[in-house]
Protein backbone atom coordinates (compact mmCIF):
# COMPACT_ATOMS: atom_id res chain seq x y z
CA MET A 1 -75.41 166.04 -14.47
CA SER A 2 -73.14 169.77 -14.97
CA GLN A 3 -70.66 170.38 -17.61
CA PRO A 4 -67.02 169.23 -16.46
CA LEU A 5 -64.53 171.71 -15.59
CA GLN A 6 -61.87 171.95 -18.19
CA LYS A 7 -58.37 171.59 -17.13
CA VAL A 8 -55.15 171.03 -19.13
CA ALA A 9 -51.82 169.27 -17.17
CA ALA A 10 -48.38 169.50 -18.03
CA VAL A 11 -47.14 165.66 -18.61
CA CYS A 12 -43.24 166.81 -17.57
CA CYS A 13 -40.34 164.58 -19.15
CA ARG A 14 -36.84 164.73 -19.62
CA PRO A 15 -34.48 162.13 -20.86
CA VAL A 16 -31.82 160.36 -18.31
CA SER A 17 -28.96 157.63 -19.81
CA SER A 18 -29.36 154.26 -21.42
CA GLY A 19 -32.58 156.12 -23.08
CA ASN A 20 -34.93 156.44 -20.04
CA VAL A 21 -36.84 158.90 -19.53
CA MET A 22 -38.09 160.02 -16.19
CA PHE A 23 -41.52 161.83 -15.46
CA LEU A 24 -41.94 164.92 -12.55
CA LEU A 25 -44.89 164.98 -10.31
CA ILE A 26 -46.49 167.20 -7.69
CA ARG A 27 -48.11 166.87 -4.55
CA SER A 28 -51.95 168.41 -4.35
CA ARG A 29 -52.70 170.88 -2.89
CA SER A 30 -53.48 168.67 0.26
CA GLY A 31 -50.47 167.31 0.06
CA ASN A 32 -51.79 163.85 -0.10
CA ARG A 33 -51.73 162.57 -3.32
CA TRP A 34 -49.23 162.72 -6.29
CA THR A 35 -50.36 164.38 -9.75
CA PHE A 36 -49.26 166.14 -12.91
CA PRO A 37 -48.76 170.13 -12.80
CA LYS A 38 -52.54 171.32 -14.02
CA GLY A 39 -55.21 174.01 -14.31
CA THR A 40 -57.50 175.90 -15.43
CA VAL A 41 -57.10 177.81 -18.84
CA GLU A 42 -57.36 181.55 -17.84
CA ASP A 43 -57.91 185.04 -20.01
CA ARG A 44 -54.52 186.07 -19.90
CA ASP A 45 -53.27 182.24 -21.68
CA ALA A 46 -53.85 183.08 -25.97
CA THR A 47 -53.97 179.11 -26.05
CA PRO A 48 -54.06 175.77 -24.00
CA LEU A 49 -50.34 175.39 -24.63
CA GLU A 50 -49.10 178.47 -22.69
CA THR A 51 -51.65 177.16 -20.13
CA VAL A 52 -49.62 174.13 -19.53
CA ALA A 53 -46.56 175.94 -20.29
CA ARG A 54 -47.94 178.41 -17.01
CA GLU A 55 -49.16 175.94 -14.83
CA ALA A 56 -45.50 173.49 -14.98
CA PHE A 57 -43.59 176.85 -13.87
CA GLU A 58 -45.92 178.38 -11.21
CA GLU A 59 -46.38 174.41 -9.63
CA ALA A 60 -43.25 173.06 -10.26
CA GLY A 61 -40.82 175.47 -11.14
CA VAL A 62 -40.05 174.28 -14.46
CA VAL A 63 -39.86 175.26 -18.26
CA GLY A 64 -39.36 173.56 -21.49
CA THR A 65 -41.64 173.03 -24.57
CA VAL A 66 -45.41 171.77 -24.87
CA ASP A 67 -45.84 168.82 -27.53
CA PRO A 68 -48.53 170.51 -29.92
CA VAL A 69 -50.49 167.34 -29.76
CA PRO A 70 -52.27 166.39 -26.92
CA LEU A 71 -51.87 162.68 -24.92
CA GLY A 72 -55.01 162.29 -23.94
CA ILE A 73 -58.25 163.09 -21.66
CA TYR A 74 -58.61 162.12 -17.65
CA ARG A 75 -61.34 162.64 -15.85
CA LYS A 76 -61.52 163.16 -11.49
CA LEU A 77 -64.91 163.10 -9.62
CA ILE A 78 -64.98 166.49 -7.48
CA PRO A 79 -65.52 165.68 -4.21
CA ALA A 80 -68.94 166.68 -2.71
CA ARG A 81 -67.14 168.94 0.08
CA LYS A 82 -65.76 171.14 -2.74
CA MET A 83 -68.59 171.51 -5.20
CA SER A 84 -70.90 174.33 -2.95
CA TYR A 85 -67.89 176.36 -3.59
CA MET A 86 -67.41 175.67 -7.83
CA GLY A 87 -71.09 175.99 -8.90
CA GLY A 88 -71.85 172.41 -8.15
CA ILE A 89 -69.53 171.50 -10.75
CA GLU A 90 -68.94 167.42 -10.34
CA GLU A 91 -66.52 166.62 -12.85
CA GLU A 92 -63.22 167.65 -13.67
CA GLU A 93 -62.03 167.16 -17.15
CA VAL A 94 -57.79 167.35 -17.85
CA LYS A 95 -56.49 166.76 -20.94
CA ALA A 96 -53.18 165.83 -20.92
CA TRP A 97 -49.84 167.38 -22.95
CA LEU A 98 -46.41 166.27 -23.14
CA PHE A 99 -44.32 169.22 -21.67
CA HIS A 100 -40.34 168.55 -22.44
CA TYR A 101 -38.34 169.85 -19.63
CA THR A 102 -35.35 172.12 -20.52
CA GLY A 103 -35.05 173.65 -17.11
CA VAL A 104 -35.36 174.89 -13.83
CA ARG A 105 -36.64 179.12 -13.32
CA GLY A 106 -38.31 178.72 -9.85
CA ALA A 107 -39.02 177.53 -6.97
CA GLY A 108 -43.22 176.15 -7.81
CA GLU A 109 -45.15 176.44 -5.08
CA PRO A 110 -44.76 175.52 -1.48
CA GLY A 111 -45.40 172.42 -0.57
CA ARG A 112 -46.10 170.98 -4.12
CA ARG A 113 -42.45 168.83 -3.40
CA PRO A 114 -41.15 168.39 -7.34
CA THR A 115 -39.93 164.92 -8.10
CA TRP A 116 -38.55 163.29 -11.04
CA PHE A 117 -39.33 159.56 -11.39
CA LEU A 118 -38.74 156.70 -14.01
CA HIS A 119 -42.25 156.06 -15.54
CA GLN A 120 -42.55 152.72 -13.55
CA ARG A 121 -41.65 154.12 -10.02
CA ALA A 122 -44.20 157.46 -11.05
CA ALA A 123 -47.11 154.66 -11.68
CA MET A 124 -46.04 153.80 -8.11
CA ALA A 125 -46.37 156.49 -6.67
CA PHE A 126 -49.50 157.70 -8.34
CA ARG A 127 -50.83 154.23 -7.15
CA THR A 128 -50.39 155.07 -3.31
CA ASN A 129 -52.89 157.94 -3.88
CA PRO A 130 -56.13 157.46 -2.09
CA GLY A 131 -59.39 158.12 -3.36
CA ASP A 132 -60.96 156.09 -6.87
CA PRO A 133 -58.71 153.63 -8.78
CA PHE A 134 -60.32 154.68 -12.03
CA TYR A 135 -58.96 157.75 -11.91
CA ILE A 136 -55.62 156.38 -10.59
CA ASP A 137 -56.09 153.85 -13.23
CA GLN A 138 -56.34 156.73 -15.38
CA LEU A 139 -53.00 158.78 -14.59
CA CYS A 140 -51.08 155.50 -15.37
CA ALA A 141 -52.41 155.31 -18.74
CA ILE A 142 -51.48 158.95 -19.88
CA LEU A 143 -47.79 157.98 -18.18
CA ASP A 144 -48.22 154.81 -20.54
CA ALA A 145 -49.36 157.06 -23.73
CA ALA A 146 -46.57 159.79 -22.82
CA ARG A 147 -43.67 156.81 -22.79
CA GLU A 148 -45.48 155.46 -25.61
CA ARG A 149 -45.32 158.68 -27.63
CA LEU A 150 -41.74 159.52 -26.35
CA ARG A 151 -40.55 155.94 -27.66
CA THR A 152 -42.05 156.80 -31.65
CA ALA A 153 -41.39 160.37 -32.05
CA PRO A 154 -38.33 162.21 -32.29
CA PRO A 155 -37.19 164.61 -30.04
CA PRO A 156 -38.38 168.43 -29.61
CA GLY A 157 -37.37 170.68 -32.48
CA GLU A 158 -39.24 173.93 -33.18
CA GLU A 159 -40.97 172.21 -35.90
CA ASN A 160 -43.42 170.17 -33.34
CA ALA A 161 -42.82 171.56 -30.22
CA ALA A 162 -43.17 175.50 -30.22
CA PRO A 163 -44.86 177.36 -27.53
CA ASN A 164 -46.85 179.10 -29.79
CA THR A 165 -48.42 176.57 -32.24
CA PRO A 166 -51.73 176.70 -33.29
CA ALA A 167 -54.70 175.19 -31.52
CA VAL A 168 -54.91 171.44 -32.11
CA SER A 169 -58.04 169.96 -33.26
CA GLU A 170 -60.88 168.79 -30.33
CA ALA A 171 -60.93 165.29 -31.33
CA VAL A 172 -58.38 164.21 -28.46
CA PRO A 173 -58.48 160.48 -27.01
CA GLU A 174 -59.54 159.37 -24.19
CA VAL A 175 -57.57 157.27 -22.03
CA THR A 176 -58.21 153.62 -21.49
CA PRO A 177 -56.47 152.35 -18.46
CA VAL A 178 -54.55 149.47 -19.11
CA ALA A 179 -51.97 147.50 -16.97
CA VAL A 180 -48.38 148.96 -15.95
CA ALA A 181 -46.01 146.59 -17.56
CA PRO A 182 -43.09 145.88 -14.69
CA GLU A 183 -39.53 147.30 -16.15
CA PRO A 184 -36.32 147.81 -14.23
CA VAL A 185 -35.99 150.61 -12.24
CA SER A 186 -34.10 152.61 -9.89
CA ALA A 187 -34.69 155.38 -6.74
CA ALA A 188 -36.88 158.04 -7.50
CA VAL A 189 -34.26 161.09 -8.18
CA PRO A 190 -34.71 164.26 -6.25
CA ALA A 191 -36.05 167.60 -8.22
CA VAL A 192 -33.25 169.28 -10.41
CA PRO A 193 -31.65 171.86 -8.14
CA SER A 194 -31.84 175.56 -9.29
């Protein structure tokens, strides 16, 4: 098996009333799956944190600050039909970072349909995705890790969510899928207008 393609994901969040938090999901390029904004670190990016911020802006049109400590890593098998033009790579490994939303500055990529969900609704949206159930469990586990981080960490500030934070140790926990605990939810809220 070849080395996995390395990517980063922006787990975009914003606080709402009653201490709840919403998460921003986008549609895949094909339009048939919900996912986090994600992409590959490019030469123009000085750090993975810059890539996270760039992907959130390019794909969903949002800006914010990136938590300097990754939430975890999830993996996705690459379909055989895509492997030939990806140099035979069979898997992508995605390091997920918490992205604290501060505003909308663009429309994002066409067809991505950025949508805000409460935690449980975001997990339900992932569960509607076709494909590998283990991959879907990993996405839900990243949501759980984000919710837990937000419960235990102080609100973002210059000291813990600066865009130019030095690189973080490569010792990042892998995600262990867990069952999604039920919680009261309301309907998904549309994307924040610009």
